[in-house]
Amino acid sequence: MIMMTTENILWITVAFGVVMIVQLIIFLYIQAHITAGTRS
């Protein structure tokens, strides 16, 4: 069982933030390719 210390909460928050940013970048990358594909 993981102890819920302040440091662990901070690391979990950072990990979730990184995941959300990566998903956003991938989403925007795919959207840009879809719009570029439909334009040409």
PDB file of N, CA and C in Angstrom:
ATOM      1  N   MET A   1       0.848  -1.197   0.000  1.00  0.00           N
ATOM      2  CA  MET A   1       0.000   0.000   0.000  1.00  0.00           C
ATOM      3  C   MET A   1       0.886   1.252   0.000  1.00  0.00           C
ATOM      4  N   ILE A   2       0.547   2.173  -0.894  1.00  0.00           N
ATOM      5  CA  ILE A   2       1.343   3.398  -1.008  1.00  0.00           C
ATOM      6  C   ILE A   2       0.864   4.411   0.032  1.00  0.00           C
ATOM      7  N   MET A   3       1.813   4.940   0.797  1.00  0.00           N
ATOM      8  CA  MET A   3       1.459   5.971   1.777  1.00  0.00           C
ATOM      9  C   MET A   3       1.163   7.276   1.043  1.00  0.00           C
ATOM     10  N   MET A   4       0.059   7.920   1.399  1.00  0.00           N
ATOM     11  CA  MET A   4      -0.330   9.158   0.729  1.00  0.00           C
ATOM     12  C   MET A   4       0.357  10.355   1.386  1.00  0.00           C
ATOM     13  N   THR A   5       1.641  10.464   1.137  1.00  0.00           N
ATOM     14  CA  THR A   5       2.381  11.611   1.661  1.00  0.00           C
ATOM     15  C   THR A   5       2.270  12.779   0.683  1.00  0.00           C
ATOM     16  N   THR A   6       2.692  13.938   1.127  1.00  0.00           N
ATOM     17  CA  THR A   6       2.623  15.120   0.257  1.00  0.00           C
ATOM     18  C   THR A   6       3.467  14.920  -0.992  1.00  0.00           C
ATOM     19  N   GLU A   7       4.616  14.272  -0.854  1.00  0.00           N
ATOM     20  CA  GLU A   7       5.503  14.055  -1.995  1.00  0.00           C
ATOM     21  C   GLU A   7       4.853  13.129  -3.013  1.00  0.00           C
ATOM     22  N   ASN A   8       4.195  12.064  -2.518  1.00  0.00           N
ATOM     23  CA  ASN A   8       3.534  11.136  -3.433  1.00  0.00           C
ATOM     24  C   ASN A   8       2.389  11.815  -4.172  1.00  0.00           C
ATOM     25  N   ILE A   9       1.615  12.623  -3.459  1.00  0.00           N
ATOM     26  CA  ILE A   9       0.515  13.360  -4.093  1.00  0.00           C
ATOM     27  C   ILE A   9       1.071  14.290  -5.172  1.00  0.00           C
ATOM     28  N   LEU A  10       2.207  14.929  -4.880  1.00  0.00           N
ATOM     29  CA  LEU A  10       2.831  15.833  -5.849  1.00  0.00           C
ATOM     30  C   LEU A  10       3.252  15.068  -7.093  1.00  0.00           C
ATOM     31  N   TRP A  11       3.889  13.900  -6.912  1.00  0.00           N
ATOM     32  CA  TRP A  11       4.329  13.089  -8.045  1.00  0.00           C
ATOM     33  C   TRP A  11       3.146  12.604  -8.872  1.00  0.00           C
ATOM     34  N   ILE A  12       2.057  12.199  -8.187  1.00  0.00           N
ATOM     35  CA  ILE A  12       0.856  11.738  -8.899  1.00  0.00           C
ATOM     36  C   ILE A  12       0.261  12.884  -9.711  1.00  0.00           C
ATOM     37  N   THR A  13       0.225  14.067  -9.130  1.00  0.00           N
ATOM     38  CA  THR A  13      -0.306  15.238  -9.838  1.00  0.00           C
ATOM     39  C   THR A  13       0.538  15.559 -11.061  1.00  0.00           C
ATOM     40  N   VAL A  14       1.862  15.508 -10.910  1.00  0.00           N
ATOM     41  CA  VAL A  14       2.773  15.778 -12.029  1.00  0.00           C
ATOM     42  C   VAL A  14       2.574  14.726 -13.121  1.00  0.00           C
ATOM     43  N   ALA A  15       2.465  13.451 -12.721  1.00  0.00           N
ATOM     44  CA  ALA A  15       2.290  12.373 -13.702  1.00  0.00           C
ATOM     45  C   ALA A  15       0.994  12.567 -14.484  1.00  0.00           C
ATOM     46  N   PHE A  16      -0.103  12.888 -13.779  1.00  0.00           N
ATOM     47  CA  PHE A  16      -1.378  13.117 -14.454  1.00  0.00           C
ATOM     48  C   PHE A  16      -1.283  14.316 -15.388  1.00  0.00           C
ATOM     49  N   GLY A  17      -0.590  15.366 -14.968  1.00  0.00           N
ATOM     50  CA  GLY A  17      -0.424  16.554 -15.799  1.00  0.00           C
ATOM     51  C   GLY A  17       0.335  16.239 -17.078  1.00  0.00           C
ATOM     52  N   VAL A  18       1.393  15.450 -16.974  1.00  0.00           N
ATOM     53  CA  VAL A  18       2.187  15.069 -18.146  1.00  0.00           C
ATOM     54  C   VAL A  18       1.332  14.243 -19.104  1.00  0.00           C
ATOM     55  N   VAL A  19       0.566  13.300 -18.559  1.00  0.00           N
ATOM     56  CA  VAL A  19      -0.297  12.458 -19.397  1.00  0.00           C
ATOM     57  C   VAL A  19      -1.317  13.318 -20.139  1.00  0.00           C
ATOM     58  N   MET A  20      -1.920  14.267 -19.446  1.00  0.00           N
ATOM     59  CA  MET A  20      -2.921  15.133 -20.072  1.00  0.00           C
ATOM     60  C   MET A  20      -2.300  15.981 -21.184  1.00  0.00           C
ATOM     61  N   ILE A  21      -1.093  16.497 -20.947  1.00  0.00           N
ATOM     62  CA  ILE A  21      -0.403  17.315 -21.952  1.00  0.00           C
ATOM     63  C   ILE A  21      -0.071  16.468 -23.176  1.00  0.00           C
ATOM     64  N   VAL A  22       0.429  15.246 -22.957  1.00  0.00           N
ATOM     65  CA  VAL A  22       0.779  14.354 -24.073  1.00  0.00           C
ATOM     66  C   VAL A  22      -0.470  14.024 -24.888  1.00  0.00           C
ATOM     67  N   GLN A  23      -1.583  13.719 -24.210  1.00  0.00           N
ATOM     68  CA  GLN A  23      -2.828  13.412 -24.919  1.00  0.00           C
ATOM     69  C   GLN A  23      -3.291  14.612 -25.728  1.00  0.00           C
ATOM     70  N   LEU A  24      -3.151  15.819 -25.176  1.00  0.00           N
ATOM     71  CA  LEU A  24      -3.553  17.029 -25.879  1.00  0.00           C
ATOM     72  C   LEU A  24      -2.693  17.245 -27.127  1.00  0.00           C
ATOM     73  N   ILE A  25      -1.376  17.031 -27.002  1.00  0.00           N
ATOM     74  CA  ILE A  25      -0.472  17.193 -28.137  1.00  0.00           C
ATOM     75  C   ILE A  25      -0.821  16.184 -29.235  1.00  0.00           C
ATOM     76  N   ILE A  26      -1.064  14.927 -28.851  1.00  0.00           N
ATOM     77  CA  ILE A  26      -1.423  13.890 -29.824  1.00  0.00           C
ATOM     78  C   ILE A  26      -2.737  14.257 -30.508  1.00  0.00           C
ATOM     79  N   PHE A  27      -3.722  14.710 -29.732  1.00  0.00           N
ATOM     80  CA  PHE A  27      -5.023  15.091 -30.286  1.00  0.00           C
ATOM     81  C   PHE A  27      -4.875  16.225 -31.297  1.00  0.00           C
ATOM     82  N   LEU A  28      -4.115  17.267 -30.927  1.00  0.00           N
ATOM     83  CA  LEU A  28      -3.920  18.401 -31.832  1.00  0.00           C
ATOM     84  C   LEU A  28      -3.147  17.968 -33.075  1.00  0.00           C
ATOM     85  N   TYR A  29      -2.167  17.066 -32.905  1.00  0.00           N
ATOM     86  CA  TYR A  29      -1.369  16.563 -34.025  1.00  0.00           C
ATOM     87  C   TYR A  29      -2.258  15.825 -35.017  1.00  0.00           C
ATOM     88  N   ILE A  30      -3.148  14.963 -34.502  1.00  0.00           N
ATOM     89  CA  ILE A  30      -4.064  14.209 -35.355  1.00  0.00           C
ATOM     90  C   ILE A  30      -5.051  15.165 -36.032  1.00  0.00           C
ATOM     91  N   GLN A  31      -5.596  16.116 -35.275  1.00  0.00           N
ATOM     92  CA  GLN A  31      -6.541  17.072 -35.834  1.00  0.00           C
ATOM     93  C   GLN A  31      -5.891  17.885 -36.960  1.00  0.00           C
ATOM     94  N   ALA A  32      -4.649  18.293 -36.774  1.00  0.00           N
ATOM     95  CA  ALA A  32      -3.938  19.069 -37.788  1.00  0.00           C
ATOM     96  C   ALA A  32      -3.753  18.232 -39.058  1.00  0.00           C
ATOM     97  N   HIS A  33      -3.443  16.949 -38.906  1.00  0.00           N
ATOM     98  CA  HIS A  33      -3.255  16.075 -40.056  1.00  0.00           C
ATOM     99  C   HIS A  33      -4.578  15.830 -40.774  1.00  0.00           C
ATOM    100  N   ILE A  34      -5.672  15.714 -40.019  1.00  0.00           N
ATOM    101  CA  ILE A  34      -6.986  15.497 -40.630  1.00  0.00           C
ATOM    102  C   ILE A  34      -7.383  16.733 -41.445  1.00  0.00           C
ATOM    103  N   THR A  35      -7.201  17.918 -40.866  1.00  0.00           N
ATOM    104  CA  THR A  35      -7.577  19.144 -41.573  1.00  0.00           C
ATOM    105  C   THR A  35      -6.677  19.361 -42.775  1.00  0.00           C
ATOM    106  N   ALA A  36      -5.391  19.048 -42.658  1.00  0.00           N
ATOM    107  CA  ALA A  36      -4.459  19.198 -43.775  1.00  0.00           C
ATOM    108  C   ALA A  36      -4.806  18.195 -44.880  1.00  0.00           C
ATOM    109  N   GLY A  37      -5.230  16.998 -44.481  1.00  0.00           N
ATOM    110  CA  GLY A  37      -5.582  15.967 -45.463  1.00  0.00           C
ATOM    111  C   GLY A  37      -6.840  16.324 -46.232  1.00  0.00           C
ATOM    112  N   THR A  38      -7.813  16.928 -45.542  1.00  0.00           N
ATOM    113  CA  THR A  38      -9.064  17.276 -46.210  1.00  0.00           C
ATOM    114  C   THR A  38      -8.883  18.513 -47.090  1.00  0.00           C
ATOM    115  N   ARG A  39      -7.940  19.365 -46.738  1.00  0.00           N
ATOM    116  CA  ARG A  39      -7.716  20.579 -47.526  1.00  0.00           C
ATOM    117  C   ARG A  39      -7.118  20.241 -48.883  1.00  0.00           C
ATOM    118  N   SER A  40      -6.098  19.401 -48.899  1.00  0.00           N
ATOM    119  CA  SER A  40      -5.380  19.111 -50.137  1.00  0.00           C
ATOM    120  C   SER A  40      -6.092  18.079 -50.988  1.00  0.00           C
TER     121      SER A  40
END
